[in-house]
Amino acid sequence: MSGKYEKGSEWRKWDLHVHTPKSIIQNYGGDTEEVWEKYITDLESLPKEFKVIGINDYIYIDGYRKVLEYRAKGRLQNFDLILPV
């Protein structure tokens, strides 16, 4: 057997309720580039077991789009999948 998951089934952690600095409910300190840099760095610092996150900013997807911009620039490669929730 060859491929990405050679051991077969493995448990991975998912967090499907992650807010961004653009959320109407957040405690990050605002929607500034400095706050976003710390936010992205914190997500990249999560334990390696976290493989999927769901961006849950309620009725808005602006934060999800911004997260995808960072990912397109090579950031957040520690996640296999980032979902809008």
C-alpha atoms as a PDB file:
ATOM      1  CA  MET A   1       0.000   0.000   0.000  1.00  0.00           C
ATOM      2  CA  SER A   2       1.400   3.372  -0.903  1.00  0.00           C
ATOM      3  CA  GLY A   3       0.100   6.880  -0.481  1.00  0.00           C
ATOM      4  CA  LYS A   4      -0.377   9.546   2.103  1.00  0.00           C
ATOM      5  CA  TYR A   5      -1.921   7.311   4.787  1.00  0.00           C
ATOM      6  CA  GLU A   6       0.052   4.090   4.763  1.00  0.00           C
ATOM      7  CA  LYS A   7      -1.148   2.945   8.219  1.00  0.00           C
ATOM      8  CA  GLY A   8      -4.822   2.794   7.238  1.00  0.00           C
ATOM      9  CA  SER A   9      -7.358   4.428   9.544  1.00  0.00           C
ATOM     10  CA  GLU A  10      -6.054   7.079  11.921  1.00  0.00           C
ATOM     11  CA  TRP A  11      -7.786   9.418  14.328  1.00  0.00           C
ATOM     12  CA  ARG A  12      -7.434  13.110  13.595  1.00  0.00           C
ATOM     13  CA  LYS A  13      -8.772  16.095  15.487  1.00  0.00           C
ATOM     14  CA  TRP A  14     -11.241  18.447  13.877  1.00  0.00           C
ATOM     15  CA  ASP A  15     -12.451  21.771  15.269  1.00  0.00           C
ATOM     16  CA  LEU A  16     -15.481  22.941  13.328  1.00  0.00           C
ATOM     17  CA  HIS A  17     -16.198  26.046  15.389  1.00  0.00           C
ATOM     18  CA  VAL A  18     -13.308  28.457  14.882  1.00  0.00           C
ATOM     19  CA  HIS A  19     -13.978  32.200  14.768  1.00  0.00           C
ATOM     20  CA  THR A  20     -11.764  34.693  12.936  1.00  0.00           C
ATOM     21  CA  PRO A  21     -10.946  38.342  13.667  1.00  0.00           C
ATOM     22  CA  LYS A  22     -13.731  39.208  11.196  1.00  0.00           C
ATOM     23  CA  SER A  23     -16.403  37.424  13.241  1.00  0.00           C
ATOM     24  CA  ILE A  24     -19.113  39.443  14.960  1.00  0.00           C
ATOM     25  CA  ILE A  25     -18.181  37.475  18.086  1.00  0.00           C
ATOM     26  CA  GLN A  26     -14.437  37.354  18.658  1.00  0.00           C
ATOM     27  CA  ASN A  27     -11.880  38.288  21.287  1.00  0.00           C
ATOM     28  CA  TYR A  28      -8.839  38.800  19.083  1.00  0.00           C
ATOM     29  CA  GLY A  29      -8.692  42.577  19.345  1.00  0.00           C
ATOM     30  CA  GLY A  30      -9.991  43.688  15.970  1.00  0.00           C
ATOM     31  CA  ASP A  31      -9.607  43.163  12.273  1.00  0.00           C
ATOM     32  CA  THR A  32      -6.072  44.461  11.705  1.00  0.00           C
ATOM     33  CA  GLU A  33      -3.123  42.906   9.879  1.00  0.00           C
ATOM     34  CA  GLU A  34      -1.236  42.606  13.170  1.00  0.00           C
ATOM     35  CA  VAL A  35      -4.123  40.698  14.749  1.00  0.00           C
ATOM     36  CA  TRP A  36      -4.462  38.484  11.660  1.00  0.00           C
ATOM     37  CA  GLU A  37      -0.760  37.611  11.700  1.00  0.00           C
ATOM     38  CA  LYS A  38      -0.993  36.492  15.333  1.00  0.00           C
ATOM     39  CA  TYR A  39      -4.221  34.585  14.582  1.00  0.00           C
ATOM     40  CA  ILE A  40      -2.694  32.700  11.630  1.00  0.00           C
ATOM     41  CA  THR A  41       0.491  31.973  13.587  1.00  0.00           C
ATOM     42  CA  ASP A  42      -1.588  30.611  16.480  1.00  0.00           C
ATOM     43  CA  LEU A  43      -3.486  28.305  14.098  1.00  0.00           C
ATOM     44  CA  GLU A  44      -0.181  27.107  12.646  1.00  0.00           C
ATOM     45  CA  SER A  45       1.017  26.383  16.202  1.00  0.00           C
ATOM     46  CA  LEU A  46      -1.812  23.974  17.024  1.00  0.00           C
ATOM     47  CA  PRO A  47      -0.753  20.401  17.779  1.00  0.00           C
ATOM     48  CA  LYS A  48      -0.143  18.358  14.642  1.00  0.00           C
ATOM     49  CA  GLU A  49      -3.178  16.181  15.433  1.00  0.00           C
ATOM     50  CA  PHE A  50      -5.505  18.994  14.304  1.00  0.00           C
ATOM     51  CA  LYS A  51      -6.079  18.377  10.607  1.00  0.00           C
ATOM     52  CA  VAL A  52      -9.400  20.090   9.829  1.00  0.00           C
ATOM     53  CA  ILE A  53     -10.879  23.379  10.989  1.00  0.00           C
ATOM     54  CA  GLY A  54     -14.227  24.940  10.245  1.00  0.00           C
ATOM     55  CA  ILE A  55     -14.418  28.720  10.129  1.00  0.00           C
ATOM     56  CA  ASN A  56     -17.644  29.686  11.880  1.00  0.00           C
ATOM     57  CA  ASP A  57     -18.242  33.432  11.700  1.00  0.00           C
ATOM     58  CA  TYR A  58     -22.000  32.877  11.605  1.00  0.00           C
ATOM     59  CA  ILE A  59     -23.638  34.664   8.658  1.00  0.00           C
ATOM     60  CA  TYR A  60     -20.436  36.028   7.095  1.00  0.00           C
ATOM     61  CA  ILE A  61     -17.719  34.264   5.103  1.00  0.00           C
ATOM     62  CA  ASP A  62     -15.268  37.189   4.888  1.00  0.00           C
ATOM     63  CA  GLY A  63     -13.047  35.616   7.567  1.00  0.00           C
ATOM     64  CA  TYR A  64     -13.076  32.275   5.765  1.00  0.00           C
ATOM     65  CA  ARG A  65     -12.037  34.002   2.533  1.00  0.00           C
ATOM     66  CA  LYS A  66      -9.187  35.781   4.324  1.00  0.00           C
ATOM     67  CA  VAL A  67      -7.992  32.471   5.815  1.00  0.00           C
ATOM     68  CA  LEU A  68      -7.973  31.015   2.287  1.00  0.00           C
ATOM     69  CA  GLU A  69      -5.871  33.989   1.101  1.00  0.00           C
ATOM     70  CA  TYR A  70      -3.251  33.129   3.716  1.00  0.00           C
ATOM     71  CA  ARG A  71      -3.376  29.464   2.694  1.00  0.00           C
ATOM     72  CA  ALA A  72      -2.929  30.387  -0.984  1.00  0.00           C
ATOM     73  CA  LYS A  73       0.260  32.215   0.063  1.00  0.00           C
ATOM     74  CA  GLY A  74       1.645  29.024   1.626  1.00  0.00           C
ATOM     75  CA  ARG A  75       0.440  29.449   5.198  1.00  0.00           C
ATOM     76  CA  LEU A  76      -1.697  27.008   7.232  1.00  0.00           C
ATOM     77  CA  GLN A  77      -0.219  23.950   5.543  1.00  0.00           C
ATOM     78  CA  ASN A  78      -0.675  22.017   8.783  1.00  0.00           C
ATOM     79  CA  PHE A  79      -4.360  21.497   7.895  1.00  0.00           C
ATOM     80  CA  ASP A  80      -5.670  18.982   5.397  1.00  0.00           C
ATOM     81  CA  LEU A  81      -8.949  20.870   5.031  1.00  0.00           C
ATOM     82  CA  ILE A  82     -10.434  24.244   5.985  1.00  0.00           C
ATOM     83  CA  LEU A  83     -14.215  24.476   5.764  1.00  0.00           C
ATOM     84  CA  PRO A  84     -16.734  27.328   5.896  1.00  0.00           C
ATOM     85  CA  VAL A  85     -19.256  26.503   8.604  1.00  0.00           C
END
